[in-house]
Amino acid sequence: MAMPWSMTLWISKIVWLALAGWITSCLIVADDIAGSIRTGDIGAFHVG
């Protein structure tokens, strides 16, 4: 059964929005961590 083009485009738009949101969230968190390391709010991570 074939899927109409409008349905295909709608699904691809939803997937794109989800991926864009995920990437944006990761970049925001990375920027906050980098800023905290630069200002000295957090230091080296010692595990163990």
Foldseek 3Di string as FASTA:
>chain_A
DDDDPVVVVVVVVVVVVVVVVVVVVVVVVVVVVVVCDVVVVDHDDDDD
